[in-house]
Structures are given as structure tokens and as C-alpha cells.
Amino acid sequence: MRFKFLNYMLLQRVNLLLVSVFFAITVACSDESQLGSTSSNMPYFDLKGLLEQQVDMLDSLNPEVQIAALIGNERDEKVMQKDSTDWAETLKLYAEADLNKPVLRDQYLVSDSMLTETGNRLKIYQAKQPKEVDIPYMKVYYEDDLSQVRKVETLFRETNPLYSTQRQMELRFANQDGMLRLLSFSATGKQKMILRDSILYQTDATIRY
């Protein structure tokens, strides 16, 4: 039976709407830009702030997005347009991997290196105790500074008495017409609810400007 695409879209709030839907997804250097602020409130890369900026940009440009979802054995694909509320809900899944949560303060080591094959840089935020935090690591690929981010990779995990979930996430960006634009995003994960079998899922989205 064809999986209902609208139900799939609700997986974007898997952690907050779990009961009502099937799926609802080191300190940085002092020269980082606003997206990687080193203020006392934002010691690590500001993924949440970056995605909030992208929501505003996506709402103004109104691009199409092609989404493919695989949940268990059910697969569906659709091309659609989203409004600002839809984009905020979709990207909130990724913004949950926010290293600047107060509980994560001083929990990460940072390394920064040059990738000789591409000329880009790679900043890695590695948890000092990976098993003790929701976000074991985050990798940020960028050009000259963090305002020119090209890719973000991270792992998010959460466990509570009702369920456990983890998802590997990736976001890709490019500078187009002088503007940083989100090009694609994906998540691969597993969810286990109490008294139910584990569910595997994968989502891949490409944005068409």
C-alpha cells in the first residue's frame, strides 16, 4: 500500500510528536564568523542559527524540493513546495543537533585541518565523552571561514523511557548568486519504541532553485 507522504513529512518532529505520528530528525577558534560564533553563549558552530537563516531564504525564494522517503519497506517520492512553516518544521529535525545547548557546554574538543584534495577546511567537534551526550560529533566542511560552509555531518541520539532514536544527518550548501543556499539534506536513522520493533528510515531531499 502506498505510504502516505504527508505522514512521512511529520517525521521531521519525531522527538516531539512521537505519540501522534509515525515519525515526527573544543571550543571554536576566535576568528569564526557569526555562523560559528565564539561568544560565551555560542562557543561552537551555530547550526541552529544557520538553519533559521535558511528558512527565511527558502521562504523568499520558494524553490521546489524533491523528497524520497524509505520507512521500513515503504518508499515514496514527491516534488513539492513548502511555506515557511513547513521549512521550519522540516529543518528543526536537523537543528536539534545544536552543540550550543547549555548542557553541552565544555563537552567538546575541536580540531581544524586543511583538506588537500579540495582546498577546503574541516572543523571537527568531538565529544570528550561520546557515550554521555546526544551529539557525539559534528563535522563542518567550509572554505575560508565558517560563513562559507559547504557540508555539515552529525549524529544525533536520544533515549528516554518511551523510545530511543538515532539519526545520521548531512546538509550540503553552496554559494549561489552571492547567497549561501541549502542544496540538499538527508537523514538515516533508527527508532525503537517501547513494546514495538525497531524502525529503520531514510530521507533524501534535493532543493531546486
C-alpha atoms as a PDB file:
ATOM      1  CA  MET A   1       0.000   0.000   0.000  1.00  0.00           C
ATOM      2  CA  ARG A   2       1.333   3.393  -0.920  1.00  0.00           C
ATOM      3  CA  PHE A   3       2.833   5.191   2.038  1.00  0.00           C
ATOM      4  CA  LYS A   4       1.090   8.482   2.750  1.00  0.00           C
ATOM      5  CA  PHE A   5       3.548  11.222   2.033  1.00  0.00           C
ATOM      6  CA  LEU A   6       2.023  13.696   4.451  1.00  0.00           C
ATOM      7  CA  ASN A   7       2.565  11.255   7.295  1.00  0.00           C
ATOM      8  CA  TYR A   8       6.191  10.983   6.235  1.00  0.00           C
ATOM      9  CA  MET A   9       6.620  14.713   6.432  1.00  0.00           C
ATOM     10  CA  LEU A  10       5.644  14.576  10.085  1.00  0.00           C
ATOM     11  CA  LEU A  11       8.737  12.549  10.857  1.00  0.00           C
ATOM     12  CA  GLN A  12      10.524  15.899  10.977  1.00  0.00           C
ATOM     13  CA  ARG A  13       9.278  16.203  14.559  1.00  0.00           C
ATOM     14  CA  VAL A  14       9.952  12.647  15.625  1.00  0.00           C
ATOM     15  CA  ASN A  15      11.024  13.642  19.125  1.00  0.00           C
ATOM     16  CA  LEU A  16       8.065  15.909  19.976  1.00  0.00           C
ATOM     17  CA  LEU A  17       5.183  14.273  18.122  1.00  0.00           C
ATOM     18  CA  LEU A  18       6.078  10.635  18.606  1.00  0.00           C
ATOM     19  CA  VAL A  19       2.749   9.596  20.156  1.00  0.00           C
ATOM     20  CA  SER A  20       0.555  11.137  17.455  1.00  0.00           C
ATOM     21  CA  VAL A  21       2.612  10.477  14.329  1.00  0.00           C
ATOM     22  CA  PHE A  22       4.786   7.736  12.934  1.00  0.00           C
ATOM     23  CA  PHE A  23       7.874   9.903  12.669  1.00  0.00           C
ATOM     24  CA  ALA A  24       7.880  13.472  13.519  1.00  0.00           C
ATOM     25  CA  ILE A  25      15.323  14.039  12.751  1.00  0.00           C
ATOM     26  CA  THR A  26      36.971  22.024  21.884  1.00  0.00           C
ATOM     27  CA  VAL A  27      35.793  25.364  21.675  1.00  0.00           C
ATOM     28  CA  ALA A  28      35.783  27.044  18.267  1.00  0.00           C
ATOM     29  CA  CYS A  29      38.536  29.392  17.142  1.00  0.00           C
ATOM     30  CA  SER A  30      38.249  33.121  17.780  1.00  0.00           C
ATOM     31  CA  ASP A  31      38.174  34.006  14.076  1.00  0.00           C
ATOM     32  CA  GLU A  32      34.923  32.197  13.319  1.00  0.00           C
ATOM     33  CA  SER A  33      32.070  34.107  11.730  1.00  0.00           C
ATOM     34  CA  GLN A  34      28.564  34.585  13.063  1.00  0.00           C
ATOM     35  CA  LEU A  35      27.645  31.042  11.986  1.00  0.00           C
ATOM     36  CA  GLY A  36      30.369  29.686  14.246  1.00  0.00           C
ATOM     37  CA  SER A  37      30.188  32.315  16.946  1.00  0.00           C
ATOM     38  CA  THR A  38      32.708  32.068  19.792  1.00  0.00           C
ATOM     39  CA  SER A  39      30.773  34.230  22.205  1.00  0.00           C
ATOM     40  CA  SER A  40      30.122  32.892  25.699  1.00  0.00           C
ATOM     41  CA  ASN A  41      26.617  31.902  24.566  1.00  0.00           C
ATOM     42  CA  MET A  42      27.702  30.297  21.278  1.00  0.00           C
ATOM     43  CA  PRO A  43      31.033  28.532  21.832  1.00  0.00           C
ATOM     44  CA  TYR A  44      30.535  26.054  18.978  1.00  0.00           C
ATOM     45  CA  PHE A  45      29.335  26.105  15.380  1.00  0.00           C
ATOM     46  CA  ASP A  46      25.854  27.648  15.249  1.00  0.00           C
ATOM     47  CA  LEU A  47      23.954  25.087  13.169  1.00  0.00           C
ATOM     48  CA  LYS A  48      20.619  26.172  14.611  1.00  0.00           C
ATOM     49  CA  GLY A  49      21.202  29.810  13.637  1.00  0.00           C
ATOM     50  CA  LEU A  50      22.341  28.799  10.164  1.00  0.00           C
ATOM     51  CA  LEU A  51      19.175  26.793   9.559  1.00  0.00           C
ATOM     52  CA  GLU A  52      16.976  29.632  10.821  1.00  0.00           C
ATOM     53  CA  GLN A  53      18.608  31.854   8.193  1.00  0.00           C
ATOM     54  CA  GLN A  54      17.964  29.200   5.568  1.00  0.00           C
ATOM     55  CA  VAL A  55      14.262  29.028   6.467  1.00  0.00           C
ATOM     56  CA  ASP A  56      13.916  32.762   5.757  1.00  0.00           C
ATOM     57  CA  MET A  57      15.812  32.427   2.477  1.00  0.00           C
ATOM     58  CA  LEU A  58      13.831  29.365   1.342  1.00  0.00           C
ATOM     59  CA  ASP A  59      10.557  31.099   2.131  1.00  0.00           C
ATOM     60  CA  SER A  60      11.544  34.106  -0.003  1.00  0.00           C
ATOM     61  CA  LEU A  61      12.767  32.031  -2.990  1.00  0.00           C
ATOM     62  CA  ASN A  62      10.044  29.348  -2.781  1.00  0.00           C
ATOM     63  CA  PRO A  63      12.023  26.573  -4.532  1.00  0.00           C
ATOM     64  CA  GLU A  64      10.796  23.070  -5.287  1.00  0.00           C
ATOM     65  CA  VAL A  65      12.118  20.226  -3.183  1.00  0.00           C
ATOM     66  CA  GLN A  66      12.284  16.595  -4.283  1.00  0.00           C
ATOM     67  CA  ILE A  67      11.982  14.249  -1.312  1.00  0.00           C
ATOM     68  CA  ALA A  68      12.440  10.485  -1.223  1.00  0.00           C
ATOM     69  CA  ALA A  69      11.498   8.613   1.945  1.00  0.00           C
ATOM     70  CA  LEU A  70      12.093   4.997   2.903  1.00  0.00           C
ATOM     71  CA  ILE A  71      10.456   3.889   6.153  1.00  0.00           C
ATOM     72  CA  GLY A  72      10.723   0.192   6.803  1.00  0.00           C
ATOM     73  CA  ASN A  73       9.798  -1.343   3.455  1.00  0.00           C
ATOM     74  CA  GLU A  74       7.622   1.564   2.353  1.00  0.00           C
ATOM     75  CA  ARG A  75       9.068   4.063  -0.116  1.00  0.00           C
ATOM     76  CA  ASP A  76       7.608   7.259  -1.516  1.00  0.00           C
ATOM     77  CA  GLU A  77       8.860  10.206  -3.557  1.00  0.00           C
ATOM     78  CA  LYS A  78       7.338  13.589  -4.189  1.00  0.00           C
ATOM     79  CA  VAL A  79       8.205  17.016  -5.578  1.00  0.00           C
ATOM     80  CA  MET A  80       6.607  19.861  -3.670  1.00  0.00           C
ATOM     81  CA  GLN A  81       6.913  23.441  -2.476  1.00  0.00           C
ATOM     82  CA  LYS A  82       6.907  24.427   1.175  1.00  0.00           C
ATOM     83  CA  ASP A  83       5.944  27.562   3.040  1.00  0.00           C
ATOM     84  CA  SER A  84       7.967  28.976   5.915  1.00  0.00           C
ATOM     85  CA  THR A  85       6.121  26.878   8.492  1.00  0.00           C
ATOM     86  CA  ASP A  86       6.825  23.689   6.552  1.00  0.00           C
ATOM     87  CA  TRP A  87      10.500  24.565   6.146  1.00  0.00           C
ATOM     88  CA  ALA A  88      10.865  25.416   9.827  1.00  0.00           C
ATOM     89  CA  GLU A  89       9.296  22.086  10.769  1.00  0.00           C
ATOM     90  CA  THR A  90      11.435  20.144   8.300  1.00  0.00           C
ATOM     91  CA  LEU A  91      14.760  21.691   9.288  1.00  0.00           C
ATOM     92  CA  LYS A  92      14.000  21.581  13.010  1.00  0.00           C
ATOM     93  CA  LEU A  93      14.903  17.898  12.795  1.00  0.00           C
ATOM     94  CA  TYR A  94      18.455  18.912  11.867  1.00  0.00           C
ATOM     95  CA  ALA A  95      18.602  21.924  14.176  1.00  0.00           C
ATOM     96  CA  GLU A  96      18.128  19.575  17.127  1.00  0.00           C
ATOM     97  CA  ALA A  97      21.815  18.739  16.678  1.00  0.00           C
ATOM     98  CA  ASP A  98      22.627  22.028  18.412  1.00  0.00           C
ATOM     99  CA  LEU A  99      26.044  21.949  20.057  1.00  0.00           C
ATOM    100  CA  ASN A 100      25.342  25.203  21.894  1.00  0.00           C
ATOM    101  CA  LYS A 101      22.787  23.750  24.296  1.00  0.00           C
ATOM    102  CA  PRO A 102      23.762  24.721  27.864  1.00  0.00           C
ATOM    103  CA  VAL A 103      24.055  21.062  28.863  1.00  0.00           C
ATOM    104  CA  LEU A 104      26.788  20.598  26.228  1.00  0.00           C
ATOM    105  CA  ARG A 105      28.994  23.480  27.348  1.00  0.00           C
ATOM    106  CA  ASP A 106      32.669  22.457  27.574  1.00  0.00           C
ATOM    107  CA  GLN A 107      31.844  18.971  26.313  1.00  0.00           C
ATOM    108  CA  TYR A 108      33.755  19.112  23.002  1.00  0.00           C
ATOM    109  CA  LEU A 109      37.270  19.216  21.653  1.00  0.00           C
ATOM    110  CA  VAL A 110      37.880  20.876  18.304  1.00  0.00           C
ATOM    111  CA  SER A 111      40.312  20.172  15.503  1.00  0.00           C
ATOM    112  CA  ASP A 112      40.736  22.152  12.304  1.00  0.00           C
ATOM    113  CA  SER A 113      42.611  20.929   9.239  1.00  0.00           C
ATOM    114  CA  MET A 114      43.084  21.629   5.551  1.00  0.00           C
ATOM    115  CA  LEU A 115      41.782  19.071   3.048  1.00  0.00           C
ATOM    116  CA  THR A 116      44.463  18.971   0.391  1.00  0.00           C
ATOM    117  CA  GLU A 117      42.269  17.212  -2.174  1.00  0.00           C
ATOM    118  CA  THR A 118      39.666  20.005  -2.220  1.00  0.00           C
ATOM    119  CA  GLY A 119      41.391  23.016  -0.671  1.00  0.00           C
ATOM    120  CA  ASN A 120      38.547  23.295   1.833  1.00  0.00           C
ATOM    121  CA  ARG A 121      38.871  23.129   5.593  1.00  0.00           C
ATOM    122  CA  LEU A 122      37.366  20.657   8.034  1.00  0.00           C
ATOM    123  CA  LYS A 123      36.461  21.514  11.605  1.00  0.00           C
ATOM    124  CA  ILE A 124      35.553  18.575  13.825  1.00  0.00           C
ATOM    125  CA  TYR A 125      33.756  18.927  17.148  1.00  0.00           C
ATOM    126  CA  GLN A 126      34.383  15.685  19.035  1.00  0.00           C
ATOM    127  CA  ALA A 127      32.673  14.965  22.333  1.00  0.00           C
ATOM    128  CA  LYS A 128      35.059  14.310  25.197  1.00  0.00           C
ATOM    129  CA  GLN A 129      32.714  11.543  26.354  1.00  0.00           C
ATOM    130  CA  PRO A 130      30.774  10.461  23.224  1.00  0.00           C
ATOM    131  CA  LYS A 131      28.561   7.953  25.058  1.00  0.00           C
ATOM    132  CA  GLU A 132      27.353  10.598  27.506  1.00  0.00           C
ATOM    133  CA  VAL A 133      25.944  13.182  25.063  1.00  0.00           C
ATOM    134  CA  ASP A 134      23.202  13.276  22.412  1.00  0.00           C
ATOM    135  CA  ILE A 135      25.589  14.581  19.730  1.00  0.00           C
ATOM    136  CA  PRO A 136      28.846  12.580  19.693  1.00  0.00           C
ATOM    137  CA  TYR A 137      30.412  14.677  16.936  1.00  0.00           C
ATOM    138  CA  MET A 138      29.877  17.263  14.230  1.00  0.00           C
ATOM    139  CA  LYS A 139      31.975  17.767  11.092  1.00  0.00           C
ATOM    140  CA  VAL A 140      31.839  21.117   9.303  1.00  0.00           C
ATOM    141  CA  TYR A 141      33.408  21.418   5.845  1.00  0.00           C
ATOM    142  CA  TYR A 142      33.991  25.020   4.780  1.00  0.00           C
ATOM    143  CA  GLU A 143      36.092  27.306   2.618  1.00  0.00           C
ATOM    144  CA  ASP A 144      37.894  30.342   4.064  1.00  0.00           C
ATOM    145  CA  ASP A 145      35.688  30.749   7.119  1.00  0.00           C
ATOM    146  CA  LEU A 146      32.578  29.179   8.611  1.00  0.00           C
ATOM    147  CA  SER A 147      30.270  31.588   6.800  1.00  0.00           C
ATOM    148  CA  GLN A 148      31.271  29.628   3.680  1.00  0.00           C
ATOM    149  CA  VAL A 149      30.123  26.267   4.988  1.00  0.00           C
ATOM    150  CA  ARG A 150      29.750  23.577   2.337  1.00  0.00           C
ATOM    151  CA  LYS A 151      28.711  20.480   4.282  1.00  0.00           C
ATOM    152  CA  VAL A 152      27.713  19.509   7.807  1.00  0.00           C
ATOM    153  CA  GLU A 153      27.692  15.922   9.058  1.00  0.00           C
ATOM    154  CA  THR A 154      26.488  14.931  12.511  1.00  0.00           C
ATOM    155  CA  LEU A 155      24.949  12.147  14.586  1.00  0.00           C
ATOM    156  CA  PHE A 156      22.039  12.731  16.953  1.00  0.00           C
ATOM    157  CA  ARG A 157      20.860  10.263  19.600  1.00  0.00           C
ATOM    158  CA  GLU A 158      18.177  10.364  22.242  1.00  0.00           C
ATOM    159  CA  THR A 159      16.893   7.834  24.768  1.00  0.00           C
ATOM    160  CA  ASN A 160      14.022   8.125  27.215  1.00  0.00           C
ATOM    161  CA  PRO A 161      11.567   5.696  28.869  1.00  0.00           C
ATOM    162  CA  LEU A 162       9.253   5.711  25.810  1.00  0.00           C
ATOM    163  CA  TYR A 163      11.662   5.342  22.927  1.00  0.00           C
ATOM    164  CA  SER A 164      15.214   5.576  21.663  1.00  0.00           C
ATOM    165  CA  THR A 165      16.263   7.147  18.389  1.00  0.00           C
ATOM    166  CA  GLN A 166      19.406   7.937  16.472  1.00  0.00           C
ATOM    167  CA  ARG A 167      19.977   9.526  13.093  1.00  0.00           C
ATOM    168  CA  GLN A 168      22.956  10.293  10.913  1.00  0.00           C
ATOM    169  CA  MET A 169      22.378  13.618   9.171  1.00  0.00           C
ATOM    170  CA  GLU A 170      24.003  15.564   6.369  1.00  0.00           C
ATOM    171  CA  LEU A 171      23.374  19.010   4.919  1.00  0.00           C
ATOM    172  CA  ARG A 172      25.055  20.453   1.806  1.00  0.00           C
ATOM    173  CA  PHE A 173      25.382  24.129   0.907  1.00  0.00           C
ATOM    174  CA  ALA A 174      26.721  26.269  -1.930  1.00  0.00           C
ATOM    175  CA  ASN A 175      27.235  29.943  -2.625  1.00  0.00           C
ATOM    176  CA  GLN A 176      24.900  30.904  -5.467  1.00  0.00           C
ATOM    177  CA  ASP A 177      24.398  34.471  -6.626  1.00  0.00           C
ATOM    178  CA  GLY A 178      26.272  35.708  -3.581  1.00  0.00           C
ATOM    179  CA  MET A 179      23.947  33.852  -1.210  1.00  0.00           C
ATOM    180  CA  LEU A 180      24.563  30.748   0.890  1.00  0.00           C
ATOM    181  CA  ARG A 181      21.920  28.221  -0.109  1.00  0.00           C
ATOM    182  CA  LEU A 182      20.971  24.824   1.209  1.00  0.00           C
ATOM    183  CA  LEU A 183      21.213  22.348  -1.674  1.00  0.00           C
ATOM    184  CA  SER A 184      20.291  19.026  -0.092  1.00  0.00           C
ATOM    185  CA  PHE A 185      19.714  17.300   3.214  1.00  0.00           C
ATOM    186  CA  SER A 186      19.452  13.686   4.281  1.00  0.00           C
ATOM    187  CA  ALA A 187      18.916  11.576   7.376  1.00  0.00           C
ATOM    188  CA  THR A 188      19.349   7.873   8.025  1.00  0.00           C
ATOM    189  CA  GLY A 189      18.215   6.525  11.330  1.00  0.00           C
ATOM    190  CA  LYS A 190      16.588   4.025  13.626  1.00  0.00           C
ATOM    191  CA  GLN A 191      13.814   4.363  16.160  1.00  0.00           C
ATOM    192  CA  LYS A 192      12.749   1.904  18.851  1.00  0.00           C
ATOM    193  CA  MET A 193       9.509   2.472  20.714  1.00  0.00           C
ATOM    194  CA  ILE A 194       8.661   0.624  23.890  1.00  0.00           C
ATOM    195  CA  LEU A 195       6.971  -2.739  23.169  1.00  0.00           C
ATOM    196  CA  ARG A 196       7.500  -2.292  19.409  1.00  0.00           C
ATOM    197  CA  ASP A 197      10.082  -3.373  16.870  1.00  0.00           C
ATOM    198  CA  SER A 198      12.794  -1.031  15.697  1.00  0.00           C
ATOM    199  CA  ILE A 199      12.019   1.013  12.590  1.00  0.00           C
ATOM    200  CA  LEU A 200      14.679   1.999  10.081  1.00  0.00           C
ATOM    201  CA  TYR A 201      14.190   5.054   7.893  1.00  0.00           C
ATOM    202  CA  GLN A 202      15.990   7.170   5.339  1.00  0.00           C
ATOM    203  CA  THR A 203      15.121  10.502   3.790  1.00  0.00           C
ATOM    204  CA  ASP A 204      16.889  12.336   0.981  1.00  0.00           C
ATOM    205  CA  ALA A 205      15.904  15.774  -0.290  1.00  0.00           C
ATOM    206  CA  THR A 206      17.239  17.920  -3.118  1.00  0.00           C
ATOM    207  CA  ILE A 207      16.244  21.567  -3.471  1.00  0.00           C
ATOM    208  CA  ARG A 208      15.645  23.020  -6.945  1.00  0.00           C
ATOM    209  CA  TYR A 209      16.165  26.787  -7.131  1.00  0.00           C
END
